[in-house]
Amino acid sequence: MSEVSLKRPLLIAIDGPAAAGKGTLAQSLAGRLDLPYLDTGLLYRSIGKLMRIAGLDLDDAQAATIIAEKLTPDDLQRTDLRGREAGELASRVAVHPGVRAALIAFQRDFAHGPRGAVLDGRDIGTVICPDADVKLYVTASAEVRARRRTDELLAKGRLVDYEAILAEVKARDARDSGRAEAPLRPAADAIVIDTSVLGPAEVLAMAMSVVENWQKMH
């Protein structure tokens, strides 16, 4: 795969549903292009964890907003942000409008750094960074994503049922797509990459091709 030498800042927005492979692609792209990377899925988890550690009430909107306004990239390096507990804490603080406003500002500040950045999430190209240079929407069938999630949990020694995971995936898709604010959908100018039958290397090659085409036009 050819290397790309960036001559100007490049902002890449990667959106898509859970378990489609957007995180893997985002990290690979950031590494290949030597760009800062932000996993936006960790933001609310970090706020929840910081509040729990400080002994604050997760339902206290003012306290949560203050924590969110003080968030730094270093706070996202914690090793305990991936588990179920962090996810539950995130859902508690995500309901506060002040937290969302602070985190939108955080993401935009990160995105518009001097070198550009790669961000992945669910509304990066539509809400957070509609001015992104390259927008990708990474998706896969619900069945494939449920199988990936099931295999991941089985590899960790957890007993899970594929059909139950599939039902959860479909329910989450419906919930995310039907949100009144920032529903899950590709931006009008996003390149859609379906990873259902593609491996990580193939997905990265497709994304790099998009970046190379962008560079040729700029």
C-alpha atoms as a PDB file:
ATOM      1  CA  MET A   1       0.000   0.000   0.000  1.00  0.00           C
ATOM      2  CA  SER A   2       1.400   3.385  -0.949  1.00  0.00           C
ATOM      3  CA  GLU A   3       2.337   5.903   1.696  1.00  0.00           C
ATOM      4  CA  VAL A   4       0.753   9.344   1.834  1.00  0.00           C
ATOM      5  CA  SER A   5       2.830  12.375   2.728  1.00  0.00           C
ATOM      6  CA  LEU A   6       0.421  15.050   3.908  1.00  0.00           C
ATOM      7  CA  LYS A   7       1.223  18.567   2.770  1.00  0.00           C
ATOM      8  CA  ARG A   8      -1.524  20.232   4.792  1.00  0.00           C
ATOM      9  CA  PRO A   9      -3.675  19.418   7.846  1.00  0.00           C
ATOM     10  CA  LEU A  10      -6.166  16.632   7.219  1.00  0.00           C
ATOM     11  CA  LEU A  11      -9.340  16.075   9.238  1.00  0.00           C
ATOM     12  CA  ILE A  12     -10.939  12.644   8.858  1.00  0.00           C
ATOM     13  CA  ALA A  13     -14.372  11.843  10.314  1.00  0.00           C
ATOM     14  CA  ILE A  14     -15.329   8.178  10.654  1.00  0.00           C
ATOM     15  CA  ASP A  15     -18.853   7.257  11.707  1.00  0.00           C
ATOM     16  CA  GLY A  16     -20.839   4.054  11.877  1.00  0.00           C
ATOM     17  CA  PRO A  17     -22.638   1.591  14.153  1.00  0.00           C
ATOM     18  CA  ALA A  18     -20.989  -0.463  16.876  1.00  0.00           C
ATOM     19  CA  ALA A  19     -18.798  -3.423  15.865  1.00  0.00           C
ATOM     20  CA  ALA A  20     -18.569  -2.312  12.236  1.00  0.00           C
ATOM     21  CA  GLY A  21     -14.821  -1.774  12.503  1.00  0.00           C
ATOM     22  CA  LYS A  22     -14.628   2.008  12.579  1.00  0.00           C
ATOM     23  CA  GLY A  23     -12.353   2.075  15.618  1.00  0.00           C
ATOM     24  CA  THR A  24      -9.891  -0.352  14.080  1.00  0.00           C
ATOM     25  CA  LEU A  25      -9.870   1.660  10.860  1.00  0.00           C
ATOM     26  CA  ALA A  26      -9.501   4.986  12.663  1.00  0.00           C
ATOM     27  CA  GLN A  27      -6.479   3.798  14.643  1.00  0.00           C
ATOM     28  CA  SER A  28      -4.877   2.300  11.529  1.00  0.00           C
ATOM     29  CA  LEU A  29      -5.441   5.445   9.482  1.00  0.00           C
ATOM     30  CA  ALA A  30      -4.088   7.671  12.216  1.00  0.00           C
ATOM     31  CA  GLY A  31      -0.982   5.520  12.455  1.00  0.00           C
ATOM     32  CA  ARG A  32      -0.453   5.395   8.695  1.00  0.00           C
ATOM     33  CA  LEU A  33      -0.912   9.142   8.283  1.00  0.00           C
ATOM     34  CA  ASP A  34       0.772  10.134  11.560  1.00  0.00           C
ATOM     35  CA  LEU A  35      -2.304  12.041  12.730  1.00  0.00           C
ATOM     36  CA  PRO A  36      -3.703  12.511  16.256  1.00  0.00           C
ATOM     37  CA  TYR A  37      -6.566  10.094  16.971  1.00  0.00           C
ATOM     38  CA  LEU A  38      -9.609  10.590  19.176  1.00  0.00           C
ATOM     39  CA  ASP A  39     -11.897   7.716  20.146  1.00  0.00           C
ATOM     40  CA  THR A  40     -14.964   9.781  20.985  1.00  0.00           C
ATOM     41  CA  GLY A  41     -16.665   6.773  22.530  1.00  0.00           C
ATOM     42  CA  LEU A  42     -14.411   7.193  25.553  1.00  0.00           C
ATOM     43  CA  LEU A  43     -15.497  10.749  26.336  1.00  0.00           C
ATOM     44  CA  TYR A  44     -18.672  10.102  28.310  1.00  0.00           C
ATOM     45  CA  ARG A  45     -17.078   7.037  29.909  1.00  0.00           C
ATOM     46  CA  SER A  46     -14.232   9.211  31.136  1.00  0.00           C
ATOM     47  CA  ILE A  47     -16.622  11.769  32.637  1.00  0.00           C
ATOM     48  CA  GLY A  48     -18.504   9.029  34.458  1.00  0.00           C
ATOM     49  CA  LYS A  49     -15.314   7.493  35.818  1.00  0.00           C
ATOM     50  CA  LEU A  50     -13.901  10.832  36.958  1.00  0.00           C
ATOM     51  CA  MET A  51     -17.131  11.625  38.781  1.00  0.00           C
ATOM     52  CA  ARG A  52     -17.218   8.226  40.474  1.00  0.00           C
ATOM     53  CA  ILE A  53     -13.594   8.563  41.594  1.00  0.00           C
ATOM     54  CA  ALA A  54     -14.310  12.037  42.981  1.00  0.00           C
ATOM     55  CA  GLY A  55     -17.353  10.722  44.824  1.00  0.00           C
ATOM     56  CA  LEU A  56     -19.716  13.023  42.939  1.00  0.00           C
ATOM     57  CA  ASP A  57     -23.392  12.400  42.250  1.00  0.00           C
ATOM     58  CA  LEU A  58     -23.698  11.228  38.625  1.00  0.00           C
ATOM     59  CA  ASP A  59     -27.121  12.865  38.413  1.00  0.00           C
ATOM     60  CA  ASP A  60     -25.693  16.273  39.361  1.00  0.00           C
ATOM     61  CA  ALA A  61     -25.744  18.067  36.018  1.00  0.00           C
ATOM     62  CA  GLN A  62     -23.685  21.030  37.230  1.00  0.00           C
ATOM     63  CA  ALA A  63     -20.926  18.866  38.681  1.00  0.00           C
ATOM     64  CA  ALA A  64     -20.849  16.692  35.558  1.00  0.00           C
ATOM     65  CA  THR A  65     -20.587  19.751  33.332  1.00  0.00           C
ATOM     66  CA  ILE A  66     -17.670  21.127  35.356  1.00  0.00           C
ATOM     67  CA  ILE A  67     -15.837  17.805  35.003  1.00  0.00           C
ATOM     68  CA  ALA A  68     -16.544  17.760  31.262  1.00  0.00           C
ATOM     69  CA  GLU A  69     -15.264  21.305  30.802  1.00  0.00           C
ATOM     70  CA  LYS A  70     -11.967  20.328  32.458  1.00  0.00           C
ATOM     71  CA  LEU A  71     -11.465  17.109  30.456  1.00  0.00           C
ATOM     72  CA  THR A  72      -8.026  16.642  28.877  1.00  0.00           C
ATOM     73  CA  PRO A  73      -6.760  14.083  26.316  1.00  0.00           C
ATOM     74  CA  ASP A  74      -4.737  12.464  29.105  1.00  0.00           C
ATOM     75  CA  ASP A  75      -7.979  11.572  30.891  1.00  0.00           C
ATOM     76  CA  LEU A  76      -8.835   9.301  27.968  1.00  0.00           C
ATOM     77  CA  GLN A  77      -5.709   7.189  28.487  1.00  0.00           C
ATOM     78  CA  ARG A  78      -7.184   5.376  31.501  1.00  0.00           C
ATOM     79  CA  THR A  79      -7.223   1.611  31.157  1.00  0.00           C
ATOM     80  CA  ASP A  80     -10.614   1.170  32.832  1.00  0.00           C
ATOM     81  CA  LEU A  81     -12.837   2.905  30.280  1.00  0.00           C
ATOM     82  CA  ARG A  82     -13.791  -0.136  28.183  1.00  0.00           C
ATOM     83  CA  GLY A  83     -15.735  -2.245  30.657  1.00  0.00           C
ATOM     84  CA  ARG A  84     -19.436  -2.493  31.366  1.00  0.00           C
ATOM     85  CA  GLU A  85     -19.188  -0.344  34.505  1.00  0.00           C
ATOM     86  CA  ALA A  86     -17.749   2.570  32.531  1.00  0.00           C
ATOM     87  CA  GLY A  87     -20.518   2.167  29.977  1.00  0.00           C
ATOM     88  CA  GLU A  88     -23.172   2.356  32.677  1.00  0.00           C
ATOM     89  CA  LEU A  89     -21.551   5.437  34.179  1.00  0.00           C
ATOM     90  CA  ALA A  90     -21.435   7.029  30.731  1.00  0.00           C
ATOM     91  CA  SER A  91     -25.162   6.558  30.231  1.00  0.00           C
ATOM     92  CA  ARG A  92     -25.810   8.382  33.500  1.00  0.00           C
ATOM     93  CA  VAL A  93     -23.834  11.510  32.587  1.00  0.00           C
ATOM     94  CA  ALA A  94     -24.699  11.581  28.881  1.00  0.00           C
ATOM     95  CA  VAL A  95     -28.190  12.923  29.646  1.00  0.00           C
ATOM     96  CA  HIS A  96     -26.843  16.276  30.863  1.00  0.00           C
ATOM     97  CA  PRO A  97     -26.984  18.978  28.130  1.00  0.00           C
ATOM     98  CA  GLY A  98     -24.016  20.816  29.636  1.00  0.00           C
ATOM     99  CA  VAL A  99     -21.868  17.705  29.374  1.00  0.00           C
ATOM    100  CA  ARG A 100     -22.741  17.214  25.718  1.00  0.00           C
ATOM    101  CA  ALA A 101     -22.008  20.875  24.946  1.00  0.00           C
ATOM    102  CA  ALA A 102     -18.618  20.672  26.669  1.00  0.00           C
ATOM    103  CA  LEU A 103     -17.702  17.463  24.871  1.00  0.00           C
ATOM    104  CA  ILE A 104     -18.736  18.841  21.493  1.00  0.00           C
ATOM    105  CA  ALA A 105     -16.351  21.732  22.112  1.00  0.00           C
ATOM    106  CA  PHE A 106     -13.636  19.271  23.221  1.00  0.00           C
ATOM    107  CA  GLN A 107     -13.999  17.222  20.037  1.00  0.00           C
ATOM    108  CA  ARG A 108     -13.942  20.266  17.780  1.00  0.00           C
ATOM    109  CA  ASP A 109     -10.857  21.676  19.503  1.00  0.00           C
ATOM    110  CA  PHE A 110      -9.092  18.336  19.087  1.00  0.00           C
ATOM    111  CA  ALA A 111     -10.169  18.018  15.468  1.00  0.00           C
ATOM    112  CA  HIS A 112      -8.918  21.430  14.438  1.00  0.00           C
ATOM    113  CA  GLY A 113      -5.400  21.078  15.780  1.00  0.00           C
ATOM    114  CA  PRO A 114      -2.465  22.204  13.644  1.00  0.00           C
ATOM    115  CA  ARG A 115      -1.950  18.773  12.035  1.00  0.00           C
ATOM    116  CA  GLY A 116      -5.557  17.726  11.650  1.00  0.00           C
ATOM    117  CA  ALA A 117      -6.876  14.518  13.253  1.00  0.00           C
ATOM    118  CA  VAL A 118      -8.842  11.312  12.900  1.00  0.00           C
ATOM    119  CA  LEU A 119     -12.049  11.077  14.937  1.00  0.00           C
ATOM    120  CA  ASP A 120     -14.478   8.176  15.065  1.00  0.00           C
ATOM    121  CA  GLY A 121     -17.953   8.120  16.541  1.00  0.00           C
ATOM    122  CA  ARG A 122     -21.568   8.324  15.440  1.00  0.00           C
ATOM    123  CA  ASP A 123     -22.101  11.965  14.502  1.00  0.00           C
ATOM    124  CA  ILE A 124     -18.619  13.241  13.659  1.00  0.00           C
ATOM    125  CA  GLY A 125     -19.282  13.955   9.995  1.00  0.00           C
ATOM    126  CA  THR A 126     -22.828  15.194  10.504  1.00  0.00           C
ATOM    127  CA  VAL A 127     -22.670  17.251  13.712  1.00  0.00           C
ATOM    128  CA  ILE A 128     -19.228  17.517  15.296  1.00  0.00           C
ATOM    129  CA  CYS A 129     -17.119  18.166  12.182  1.00  0.00           C
ATOM    130  CA  PRO A 130     -19.341  18.735   9.149  1.00  0.00           C
ATOM    131  CA  ASP A 131     -16.318  20.532   7.641  1.00  0.00           C
ATOM    132  CA  ALA A 132     -14.132  17.390   7.731  1.00  0.00           C
ATOM    133  CA  ASP A 133     -11.938  16.901   4.670  1.00  0.00           C
ATOM    134  CA  VAL A 134     -12.670  13.178   4.410  1.00  0.00           C
ATOM    135  CA  LYS A 135     -15.827  11.549   5.751  1.00  0.00           C
ATOM    136  CA  LEU A 136     -16.190   7.784   5.980  1.00  0.00           C
ATOM    137  CA  TYR A 137     -19.185   5.783   7.143  1.00  0.00           C
ATOM    138  CA  VAL A 138     -18.171   2.284   8.179  1.00  0.00           C
ATOM    139  CA  THR A 139     -20.964  -0.238   8.433  1.00  0.00           C
ATOM    140  CA  ALA A 140     -21.755  -3.966   8.264  1.00  0.00           C
ATOM    141  CA  SER A 141     -24.854  -6.107   8.510  1.00  0.00           C
ATOM    142  CA  ALA A 142     -26.380  -6.539  11.948  1.00  0.00           C
ATOM    143  CA  GLU A 143     -25.720 -10.282  11.710  1.00  0.00           C
ATOM    144  CA  VAL A 144     -22.009  -9.808  11.016  1.00  0.00           C
ATOM    145  CA  ARG A 145     -21.633  -7.255  13.792  1.00  0.00           C
ATOM    146  CA  ALA A 146     -23.441  -9.516  16.255  1.00  0.00           C
ATOM    147  CA  ARG A 147     -21.158 -12.408  15.313  1.00  0.00           C
ATOM    148  CA  ARG A 148     -18.069 -10.242  15.823  1.00  0.00           C
ATOM    149  CA  ARG A 149     -19.313  -9.095  19.208  1.00  0.00           C
ATOM    150  CA  THR A 150     -20.217 -12.647  20.234  1.00  0.00           C
ATOM    151  CA  ASP A 151     -16.794 -13.982  19.221  1.00  0.00           C
ATOM    152  CA  GLU A 152     -15.097 -11.128  21.085  1.00  0.00           C
ATOM    153  CA  LEU A 153     -16.958 -11.887  24.305  1.00  0.00           C
ATOM    154  CA  LEU A 154     -16.428 -15.644  23.975  1.00  0.00           C
ATOM    155  CA  ALA A 155     -12.702 -15.020  23.556  1.00  0.00           C
ATOM    156  CA  LYS A 156     -12.809 -13.204  26.899  1.00  0.00           C
ATOM    157  CA  GLY A 157     -14.368 -16.238  28.540  1.00  0.00           C
ATOM    158  CA  ARG A 158     -17.901 -14.911  28.789  1.00  0.00           C
ATOM    159  CA  LEU A 159     -20.885 -17.127  28.055  1.00  0.00           C
ATOM    160  CA  VAL A 160     -23.069 -15.273  25.569  1.00  0.00           C
ATOM    161  CA  ASP A 161     -25.826 -16.161  23.148  1.00  0.00           C
ATOM    162  CA  TYR A 162     -25.533 -15.006  19.528  1.00  0.00           C
ATOM    163  CA  GLU A 163     -29.280 -14.463  19.111  1.00  0.00           C
ATOM    164  CA  ALA A 164     -29.395 -12.304  22.243  1.00  0.00           C
ATOM    165  CA  ILE A 165     -26.448 -10.237  21.005  1.00  0.00           C
ATOM    166  CA  LEU A 166     -28.118  -9.875  17.603  1.00  0.00           C
ATOM    167  CA  ALA A 167     -31.287  -8.592  19.257  1.00  0.00           C
ATOM    168  CA  GLU A 168     -29.225  -6.071  21.233  1.00  0.00           C
ATOM    169  CA  VAL A 169     -27.439  -4.893  18.072  1.00  0.00           C
ATOM    170  CA  LYS A 170     -30.715  -4.370  16.227  1.00  0.00           C
ATOM    171  CA  ALA A 171     -32.262  -2.580  19.200  1.00  0.00           C
ATOM    172  CA  ARG A 172     -29.242  -0.274  19.487  1.00  0.00           C
ATOM    173  CA  ASP A 173     -29.352   0.451  15.756  1.00  0.00           C
ATOM    174  CA  ALA A 174     -32.993   1.428  16.015  1.00  0.00           C
ATOM    175  CA  ARG A 175     -32.330   3.584  19.070  1.00  0.00           C
ATOM    176  CA  ASP A 176     -29.311   5.350  17.555  1.00  0.00           C
ATOM    177  CA  SER A 177     -30.965   5.899  14.175  1.00  0.00           C
ATOM    178  CA  GLY A 178     -34.130   7.229  15.754  1.00  0.00           C
ATOM    179  CA  ARG A 179     -32.508   9.755  18.073  1.00  0.00           C
ATOM    180  CA  ALA A 180     -34.053  13.197  17.756  1.00  0.00           C
ATOM    181  CA  GLU A 181     -30.614  14.754  18.227  1.00  0.00           C
ATOM    182  CA  ALA A 182     -27.739  13.630  15.986  1.00  0.00           C
ATOM    183  CA  PRO A 183     -29.256  10.381  14.668  1.00  0.00           C
ATOM    184  CA  LEU A 184     -26.849   7.728  13.378  1.00  0.00           C
ATOM    185  CA  ARG A 185     -26.605   8.194   9.617  1.00  0.00           C
ATOM    186  CA  PRO A 186     -23.925   8.832   7.008  1.00  0.00           C
ATOM    187  CA  ALA A 187     -23.200  12.420   6.048  1.00  0.00           C
ATOM    188  CA  ALA A 188     -24.438  13.335   2.578  1.00  0.00           C
ATOM    189  CA  ASP A 189     -20.848  13.498   1.311  1.00  0.00           C
ATOM    190  CA  ALA A 190     -19.502  10.476   3.208  1.00  0.00           C
ATOM    191  CA  ILE A 191     -17.945   7.471   1.492  1.00  0.00           C
ATOM    192  CA  VAL A 192     -19.706   4.341   2.759  1.00  0.00           C
ATOM    193  CA  ILE A 193     -17.536   1.274   3.407  1.00  0.00           C
ATOM    194  CA  ASP A 194     -19.371  -1.985   4.122  1.00  0.00           C
ATOM    195  CA  THR A 195     -17.040  -4.259   6.074  1.00  0.00           C
ATOM    196  CA  SER A 196     -19.363  -7.285   6.116  1.00  0.00           C
ATOM    197  CA  VAL A 197     -17.045  -9.352   3.902  1.00  0.00           C
ATOM    198  CA  LEU A 198     -13.845  -7.338   4.273  1.00  0.00           C
ATOM    199  CA  GLY A 199     -10.874  -7.752   6.577  1.00  0.00           C
ATOM    200  CA  PRO A 200      -9.127  -4.855   8.365  1.00  0.00           C
ATOM    201  CA  ALA A 201      -6.353  -4.655   5.748  1.00  0.00           C
ATOM    202  CA  GLU A 202      -8.873  -4.410   2.910  1.00  0.00           C
ATOM    203  CA  VAL A 203     -10.847  -1.721   4.726  1.00  0.00           C
ATOM    204  CA  LEU A 204      -7.671   0.265   5.374  1.00  0.00           C
ATOM    205  CA  ALA A 205      -6.706  -0.003   1.705  1.00  0.00           C
ATOM    206  CA  MET A 206     -10.087   1.388   0.655  1.00  0.00           C
ATOM    207  CA  ALA A 207      -9.838   4.253   3.133  1.00  0.00           C
ATOM    208  CA  MET A 208      -6.291   5.084   2.048  1.00  0.00           C
ATOM    209  CA  SER A 209      -7.497   5.217  -1.540  1.00  0.00           C
ATOM    210  CA  VAL A 210     -10.082   7.796  -0.522  1.00  0.00           C
ATOM    211  CA  VAL A 211      -7.403   9.835   1.243  1.00  0.00           C
ATOM    212  CA  GLU A 212      -5.095   9.642  -1.760  1.00  0.00           C
ATOM    213  CA  ASN A 213      -7.883  10.834  -4.061  1.00  0.00           C
ATOM    214  CA  TRP A 214      -8.552  13.730  -1.686  1.00  0.00           C
ATOM    215  CA  GLN A 215      -4.891  14.682  -1.736  1.00  0.00           C
ATOM    216  CA  LYS A 216      -4.783  14.653  -5.550  1.00  0.00           C
ATOM    217  CA  MET A 217      -7.623  17.171  -5.625  1.00  0.00           C
ATOM    218  CA  HIS A 218      -6.012  19.430  -3.001  1.00  0.00           C
END
